[in-house]
């Protein structure tokens, strides 16, 4: 049975949580008060990208933790 290194797993999990949190933060506050004009759709793309990366990392961490069962 292949064992997962717990430190590497926790780093992967932390990276996924942090990327998802940054993505949500950028979606909630897209221009971060730097401009007086309303945000455009392109301002939201950084948040969407960071959120997508975070969710992919969290899905991969879940697969590593629970989906790699060898008989």
PDB file of N, CA and C in Angstrom:
ATOM      1  N   UNK A   1       0.841  -1.178   0.000  1.00  0.00           N
ATOM      2  CA  UNK A   1       0.000   0.000   0.000  1.00  0.00           C
ATOM      3  C   UNK A   1       0.887   1.241   0.000  1.00  0.00           C
ATOM      4  N   UNK A   2       0.571   2.163  -0.866  1.00  0.00           N
ATOM      5  CA  UNK A   2       1.322   3.405  -0.942  1.00  0.00           C
ATOM      6  C   UNK A   2       0.838   4.364   0.131  1.00  0.00           C
ATOM      7  N   UNK A   3       1.761   4.821   0.954  1.00  0.00           N
ATOM      8  CA  UNK A   3       1.411   5.783   1.998  1.00  0.00           C
ATOM      9  C   UNK A   3       1.699   7.194   1.507  1.00  0.00           C
ATOM     10  N   UNK A   4       0.880   8.114   1.933  1.00  0.00           N
ATOM     11  CA  UNK A   4       1.033   9.511   1.562  1.00  0.00           C
ATOM     12  C   UNK A   4       1.838  10.199   2.655  1.00  0.00           C
ATOM     13  N   UNK A   5       2.835  10.961   2.245  1.00  0.00           N
ATOM     14  CA  UNK A   5       3.610  11.737   3.201  1.00  0.00           C
ATOM     15  C   UNK A   5       2.704  12.812   3.799  1.00  0.00           C
ATOM     16  N   UNK A   6       2.487  12.780   5.129  1.00  0.00           N
ATOM     17  CA  UNK A   6       1.529  13.729   5.717  1.00  0.00           C
ATOM     18  C   UNK A   6       1.937  15.189   5.548  1.00  0.00           C
ATOM     19  N   UNK A   7       3.224  15.491   5.590  1.00  0.00           N
ATOM     20  CA  UNK A   7       3.655  16.879   5.433  1.00  0.00           C
ATOM     21  C   UNK A   7       3.354  17.382   4.028  1.00  0.00           C
ATOM     22  N   UNK A   8       3.612  16.573   3.026  1.00  0.00           N
ATOM     23  CA  UNK A   8       3.302  16.986   1.647  1.00  0.00           C
ATOM     24  C   UNK A   8       1.800  17.118   1.434  1.00  0.00           C
ATOM     25  N   UNK A   9       1.035  16.209   2.044  1.00  0.00           N
ATOM     26  CA  UNK A   9      -0.414  16.285   1.934  1.00  0.00           C
ATOM     27  C   UNK A   9      -0.930  17.575   2.580  1.00  0.00           C
ATOM     28  N   UNK A  10      -0.412  17.929   3.745  1.00  0.00           N
ATOM     29  CA  UNK A  10      -0.850  19.153   4.408  1.00  0.00           C
ATOM     30  C   UNK A  10      -0.453  20.397   3.620  1.00  0.00           C
ATOM     31  N   UNK A  11       0.713  20.371   2.983  1.00  0.00           N
ATOM     32  CA  UNK A  11       1.100  21.495   2.130  1.00  0.00           C
ATOM     33  C   UNK A  11       0.146  21.624   0.944  1.00  0.00           C
ATOM     34  N   UNK A  12      -0.225  20.520   0.336  1.00  0.00           N
ATOM     35  CA  UNK A  12      -1.163  20.538  -0.784  1.00  0.00           C
ATOM     36  C   UNK A  12      -2.520  21.048  -0.323  1.00  0.00           C
ATOM     37  N   UNK A  13      -2.964  20.587   0.822  1.00  0.00           N
ATOM     38  CA  UNK A  13      -4.247  21.019   1.362  1.00  0.00           C
ATOM     39  C   UNK A  13      -4.219  22.511   1.702  1.00  0.00           C
ATOM     40  N   UNK A  14      -3.143  22.977   2.323  1.00  0.00           N
ATOM     41  CA  UNK A  14      -3.034  24.397   2.662  1.00  0.00           C
ATOM     42  C   UNK A  14      -2.978  25.268   1.418  1.00  0.00           C
ATOM     43  N   UNK A  15      -2.269  24.816   0.395  1.00  0.00           N
ATOM     44  CA  UNK A  15      -2.199  25.581  -0.852  1.00  0.00           C
ATOM     45  C   UNK A  15      -3.578  25.680  -1.497  1.00  0.00           C
ATOM     46  N   UNK A  16      -4.332  24.601  -1.473  1.00  0.00           N
ATOM     47  CA  UNK A  16      -5.687  24.630  -2.034  1.00  0.00           C
ATOM     48  C   UNK A  16      -6.605  25.568  -1.280  1.00  0.00           C
ATOM     49  N   UNK A  17      -6.529  25.531   0.042  1.00  0.00           N
ATOM     50  CA  UNK A  17      -7.373  26.416   0.851  1.00  0.00           C
ATOM     51  C   UNK A  17      -6.984  27.880   0.636  1.00  0.00           C
ATOM     52  N   UNK A  18      -5.694  28.147   0.617  1.00  0.00           N
ATOM     53  CA  UNK A  18      -5.247  29.529   0.435  1.00  0.00           C
ATOM     54  C   UNK A  18      -5.620  30.060  -0.953  1.00  0.00           C
ATOM     55  N   UNK A  19      -5.432  29.249  -1.990  1.00  0.00           N
ATOM     56  CA  UNK A  19      -5.783  29.699  -3.343  1.00  0.00           C
ATOM     57  C   UNK A  19      -7.285  29.933  -3.461  1.00  0.00           C
ATOM     58  N   UNK A  20      -8.092  29.048  -2.870  1.00  0.00           N
ATOM     59  CA  UNK A  20      -9.538  29.245  -2.911  1.00  0.00           C
ATOM     60  C   UNK A  20      -9.940  30.492  -2.132  1.00  0.00           C
ATOM     61  N   UNK A  21      -9.289  30.743  -0.997  1.00  0.00           N
ATOM     62  CA  UNK A  21      -9.608  31.929  -0.208  1.00  0.00           C
ATOM     63  C   UNK A  21      -9.237  33.211  -0.958  1.00  0.00           C
ATOM     64  N   UNK A  22      -8.083  33.208  -1.614  1.00  0.00           N
ATOM     65  CA  UNK A  22      -7.694  34.377  -2.401  1.00  0.00           C
ATOM     66  C   UNK A  22      -8.656  34.572  -3.570  1.00  0.00           C
ATOM     67  N   UNK A  23      -9.091  33.487  -4.190  1.00  0.00           N
ATOM     68  CA  UNK A  23     -10.047  33.589  -5.286  1.00  0.00           C
ATOM     69  C   UNK A  23     -11.372  34.183  -4.841  1.00  0.00           C
ATOM     70  N   UNK A  24     -11.865  33.728  -3.692  1.00  0.00           N
ATOM     71  CA  UNK A  24     -13.117  34.288  -3.169  1.00  0.00           C
ATOM     72  C   UNK A  24     -12.934  35.766  -2.823  1.00  0.00           C
ATOM     73  N   UNK A  25     -11.799  36.094  -2.207  1.00  0.00           N
ATOM     74  CA  UNK A  25     -11.539  37.489  -1.850  1.00  0.00           C
ATOM     75  C   UNK A  25     -11.486  38.376  -3.092  1.00  0.00           C
ATOM     76  N   UNK A  26     -10.843  37.910  -4.143  1.00  0.00           N
ATOM     77  CA  UNK A  26     -10.767  38.701  -5.368  1.00  0.00           C
ATOM     78  C   UNK A  26     -12.114  38.802  -6.074  1.00  0.00           C
ATOM     79  N   UNK A  27     -12.973  37.803  -5.910  1.00  0.00           N
ATOM     80  CA  UNK A  27     -14.308  37.893  -6.495  1.00  0.00           C
ATOM     81  C   UNK A  27     -15.194  38.857  -5.715  1.00  0.00           C
ATOM     82  N   UNK A  28     -15.035  38.873  -4.406  1.00  0.00           N
ATOM     83  CA  UNK A  28     -15.857  39.759  -3.588  1.00  0.00           C
ATOM     84  C   UNK A  28     -15.411  41.212  -3.735  1.00  0.00           C
ATOM     85  N   UNK A  29     -14.107  41.429  -3.832  1.00  0.00           N
ATOM     86  CA  UNK A  29     -13.552  42.784  -3.908  1.00  0.00           C
ATOM     87  C   UNK A  29     -12.605  42.851  -5.112  1.00  0.00           C
ATOM     88  N   UNK A  30     -13.128  42.926  -6.329  1.00  0.00           N
ATOM     89  CA  UNK A  30     -12.286  42.773  -7.516  1.00  0.00           C
ATOM     90  C   UNK A  30     -11.285  43.899  -7.750  1.00  0.00           C
ATOM     91  N   UNK A  31     -11.634  45.124  -7.417  1.00  0.00           N
ATOM     92  CA  UNK A  31     -10.683  46.192  -7.710  1.00  0.00           C
ATOM     93  C   UNK A  31      -9.934  46.647  -6.469  1.00  0.00           C
ATOM     94  N   UNK A  32     -10.263  46.150  -5.316  1.00  0.00           N
ATOM     95  CA  UNK A  32      -9.568  46.396  -4.048  1.00  0.00           C
ATOM     96  C   UNK A  32      -9.397  47.883  -3.768  1.00  0.00           C
ATOM     97  N   UNK A  33     -10.363  48.693  -4.198  1.00  0.00           N
ATOM     98  CA  UNK A  33     -10.348  50.119  -3.882  1.00  0.00           C
ATOM     99  C   UNK A  33      -9.306  50.930  -4.626  1.00  0.00           C
ATOM    100  N   UNK A  34      -8.715  50.379  -5.669  1.00  0.00           N
ATOM    101  CA  UNK A  34      -7.662  51.094  -6.377  1.00  0.00           C
ATOM    102  C   UNK A  34      -8.218  52.062  -7.429  1.00  0.00           C
ATOM    103  N   UNK A  35      -9.446  51.816  -7.884  1.00  0.00           N
ATOM    104  CA  UNK A  35     -10.020  52.677  -8.919  1.00  0.00           C
ATOM    105  C   UNK A  35     -11.414  53.113  -8.506  1.00  0.00           C
ATOM    106  N   UNK A  36     -11.854  54.215  -9.065  1.00  0.00           N
ATOM    107  CA  UNK A  36     -13.189  54.714  -8.749  1.00  0.00           C
ATOM    108  C   UNK A  36     -14.248  54.221  -9.732  1.00  0.00           C
ATOM    109  N   UNK A  37     -13.831  53.569 -10.796  1.00  0.00           N
ATOM    110  CA  UNK A  37     -14.789  53.089 -11.791  1.00  0.00           C
ATOM    111  C   UNK A  37     -15.325  51.720 -11.362  1.00  0.00           C
ATOM    112  N   UNK A  38     -16.517  51.363 -11.809  1.00  0.00           N
ATOM    113  CA  UNK A  38     -17.050  50.037 -11.473  1.00  0.00           C
ATOM    114  C   UNK A  38     -16.184  48.932 -12.098  1.00  0.00           C
ATOM    115  N   UNK A  39     -16.126  47.764 -11.463  1.00  0.00           N
ATOM    116  CA  UNK A  39     -15.309  46.677 -12.011  1.00  0.00           C
ATOM    117  C   UNK A  39     -15.876  46.140 -13.317  1.00  0.00           C
ATOM    118  N   UNK A  40     -14.988  45.756 -14.194  1.00  0.00           N
ATOM    119  CA  UNK A  40     -15.372  45.143 -15.461  1.00  0.00           C
ATOM    120  C   UNK A  40     -15.277  43.621 -15.324  1.00  0.00           C
ATOM    121  N   UNK A  41     -15.829  42.879 -16.259  1.00  0.00           N
ATOM    122  CA  UNK A  41     -15.722  41.416 -16.175  1.00  0.00           C
ATOM    123  C   UNK A  41     -14.276  40.920 -16.150  1.00  0.00           C
ATOM    124  N   UNK A  42     -13.380  41.627 -16.785  1.00  0.00           N
ATOM    125  CA  UNK A  42     -11.980  41.180 -16.763  1.00  0.00           C
ATOM    126  C   UNK A  42     -11.362  41.317 -15.372  1.00  0.00           C
ATOM    127  N   UNK A  43     -11.903  42.200 -14.544  1.00  0.00           N
ATOM    128  CA  UNK A  43     -11.405  42.330 -13.174  1.00  0.00           C
ATOM    129  C   UNK A  43     -11.729  41.094 -12.343  1.00  0.00           C
ATOM    130  N   UNK A  44     -12.788  40.403 -12.693  1.00  0.00           N
ATOM    131  CA  UNK A  44     -13.179  39.206 -11.949  1.00  0.00           C
ATOM    132  C   UNK A  44     -12.385  37.965 -12.369  1.00  0.00           C
ATOM    133  N   UNK A  45     -11.696  38.021 -13.487  1.00  0.00           N
ATOM    134  CA  UNK A  45     -11.027  36.826 -14.010  1.00  0.00           C
ATOM    135  C   UNK A  45      -9.897  36.334 -13.104  1.00  0.00           C
ATOM    136  N   UNK A  46      -9.201  37.219 -12.434  1.00  0.00           N
ATOM    137  CA  UNK A  46      -8.151  36.787 -11.509  1.00  0.00           C
ATOM    138  C   UNK A  46      -8.757  35.982 -10.365  1.00  0.00           C
ATOM    139  N   UNK A  47      -9.895  36.413  -9.866  1.00  0.00           N
ATOM    140  CA  UNK A  47     -10.573  35.674  -8.804  1.00  0.00           C
ATOM    141  C   UNK A  47     -11.091  34.335  -9.275  1.00  0.00           C
ATOM    142  N   UNK A  48     -11.641  34.307 -10.473  1.00  0.00           N
ATOM    143  CA  UNK A  48     -12.139  33.044 -11.020  1.00  0.00           C
ATOM    144  C   UNK A  48     -10.989  32.060 -11.215  1.00  0.00           C
ATOM    145  N   UNK A  49      -9.870  32.555 -11.723  1.00  0.00           N
ATOM    146  CA  UNK A  49      -8.715  31.678 -11.932  1.00  0.00           C
ATOM    147  C   UNK A  49      -8.151  31.145 -10.635  1.00  0.00           C
ATOM    148  N   UNK A  50      -8.001  32.012  -9.637  1.00  0.00           N
ATOM    149  CA  UNK A  50      -7.473  31.560  -8.349  1.00  0.00           C
ATOM    150  C   UNK A  50      -8.433  30.598  -7.669  1.00  0.00           C
ATOM    151  N   UNK A  51      -9.714  30.851  -7.767  1.00  0.00           N
ATOM    152  CA  UNK A  51     -10.698  29.935  -7.182  1.00  0.00           C
ATOM    153  C   UNK A  51     -10.674  28.586  -7.878  1.00  0.00           C
ATOM    154  N   UNK A  52     -10.549  28.588  -9.199  1.00  0.00           N
ATOM    155  CA  UNK A  52     -10.481  27.326  -9.940  1.00  0.00           C
ATOM    156  C   UNK A  52      -9.238  26.528  -9.551  1.00  0.00           C
ATOM    157  N   UNK A  53      -8.109  27.191  -9.441  1.00  0.00           N
ATOM    158  CA  UNK A  53      -6.884  26.501  -9.033  1.00  0.00           C
ATOM    159  C   UNK A  53      -7.029  25.932  -7.629  1.00  0.00           C
ATOM    160  N   UNK A  54      -7.608  26.710  -6.721  1.00  0.00           N
ATOM    161  CA  UNK A  54      -7.811  26.229  -5.362  1.00  0.00           C
ATOM    162  C   UNK A  54      -8.722  25.015  -5.301  1.00  0.00           C
ATOM    163  N   UNK A  55      -9.806  25.038  -6.057  1.00  0.00           N
ATOM    164  CA  UNK A  55     -10.721  23.896  -6.059  1.00  0.00           C
ATOM    165  C   UNK A  55     -10.087  22.667  -6.691  1.00  0.00           C
ATOM    166  N   UNK A  56      -9.283  22.863  -7.725  1.00  0.00           N
ATOM    167  CA  UNK A  56      -8.580  21.731  -8.337  1.00  0.00           C
ATOM    168  C   UNK A  56      -7.589  21.127  -7.355  1.00  0.00           C
ATOM    169  N   UNK A  57      -6.851  21.968  -6.638  1.00  0.00           N
ATOM    170  CA  UNK A  57      -5.910  21.454  -5.638  1.00  0.00           C
ATOM    171  C   UNK A  57      -6.629  20.722  -4.513  1.00  0.00           C
ATOM    172  N   UNK A  58      -7.767  21.238  -4.081  1.00  0.00           N
ATOM    173  CA  UNK A  58      -8.521  20.562  -3.037  1.00  0.00           C
ATOM    174  C   UNK A  58      -9.092  19.231  -3.534  1.00  0.00           C
ATOM    175  N   UNK A  59      -9.530  19.189  -4.774  1.00  0.00           N
ATOM    176  CA  UNK A  59     -10.014  17.925  -5.341  1.00  0.00           C
ATOM    177  C   UNK A  59      -8.886  16.910  -5.444  1.00  0.00           C
ATOM    178  N   UNK A  60      -7.715  17.370  -5.838  1.00  0.00           N
ATOM    179  CA  UNK A  60      -6.575  16.462  -5.920  1.00  0.00           C
ATOM    180  C   UNK A  60      -6.174  15.969  -4.532  1.00  0.00           C
ATOM    181  N   UNK A  61      -6.223  16.851  -3.534  1.00  0.00           N
ATOM    182  CA  UNK A  61      -5.911  16.430  -2.169  1.00  0.00           C
ATOM    183  C   UNK A  61      -6.923  15.398  -1.679  1.00  0.00           C
ATOM    184  N   UNK A  62      -8.184  15.591  -2.011  1.00  0.00           N
ATOM    185  CA  UNK A  62      -9.202  14.603  -1.652  1.00  0.00           C
ATOM    186  C   UNK A  62      -8.979  13.271  -2.351  1.00  0.00           C
ATOM    187  N   UNK A  63      -8.569  13.335  -3.616  1.00  0.00           N
ATOM    188  CA  UNK A  63      -8.278  12.096  -4.330  1.00  0.00           C
ATOM    189  C   UNK A  63      -7.086  11.376  -3.727  1.00  0.00           C
ATOM    190  N   UNK A  64      -6.063  12.132  -3.351  1.00  0.00           N
ATOM    191  CA  UNK A  64      -4.878  11.532  -2.740  1.00  0.00           C
ATOM    192  C   UNK A  64      -5.245  10.898  -1.397  1.00  0.00           C
ATOM    193  N   UNK A  65      -6.086  11.565  -0.619  1.00  0.00           N
ATOM    194  CA  UNK A  65      -6.416  11.080   0.713  1.00  0.00           C
ATOM    195  C   UNK A  65      -7.387   9.910   0.684  1.00  0.00           C
ATOM    196  N   UNK A  66      -8.396   9.971  -0.178  1.00  0.00           N
ATOM    197  CA  UNK A  66      -9.472   8.988  -0.105  1.00  0.00           C
ATOM    198  C   UNK A  66      -9.642   8.135  -1.352  1.00  0.00           C
ATOM    199  N   UNK A  67      -9.133   8.549  -2.472  1.00  0.00           N
ATOM    200  CA  UNK A  67      -9.438   7.851  -3.705  1.00  0.00           C
ATOM    201  C   UNK A  67      -8.395   6.847  -4.167  1.00  0.00           C
ATOM    202  N   UNK A  68      -7.234   6.819  -3.534  1.00  0.00           N
ATOM    203  CA  UNK A  68      -6.158   5.938  -3.990  1.00  0.00           C
ATOM    204  C   UNK A  68      -6.100   4.688  -3.133  1.00  0.00           C
ATOM    205  N   UNK A  69      -7.149   3.955  -3.080  1.00  0.00           N
ATOM    206  CA  UNK A  69      -7.180   2.721  -2.298  1.00  0.00           C
ATOM    207  C   UNK A  69      -6.730   1.571  -3.183  1.00  0.00           C
ATOM    208  N   UNK A  70      -5.695   0.886  -2.740  1.00  0.00           N
ATOM    209  CA  UNK A  70      -5.222  -0.285  -3.485  1.00  0.00           C
ATOM    210  C   UNK A  70      -5.601  -1.529  -2.701  1.00  0.00           C
ATOM    211  N   UNK A  71      -6.075  -2.505  -3.423  1.00  0.00           N
ATOM    212  CA  UNK A  71      -6.576  -3.724  -2.804  1.00  0.00           C
ATOM    213  C   UNK A  71      -5.508  -4.589  -2.384  1.00  0.00           C
TER     214      UNK A  71
END
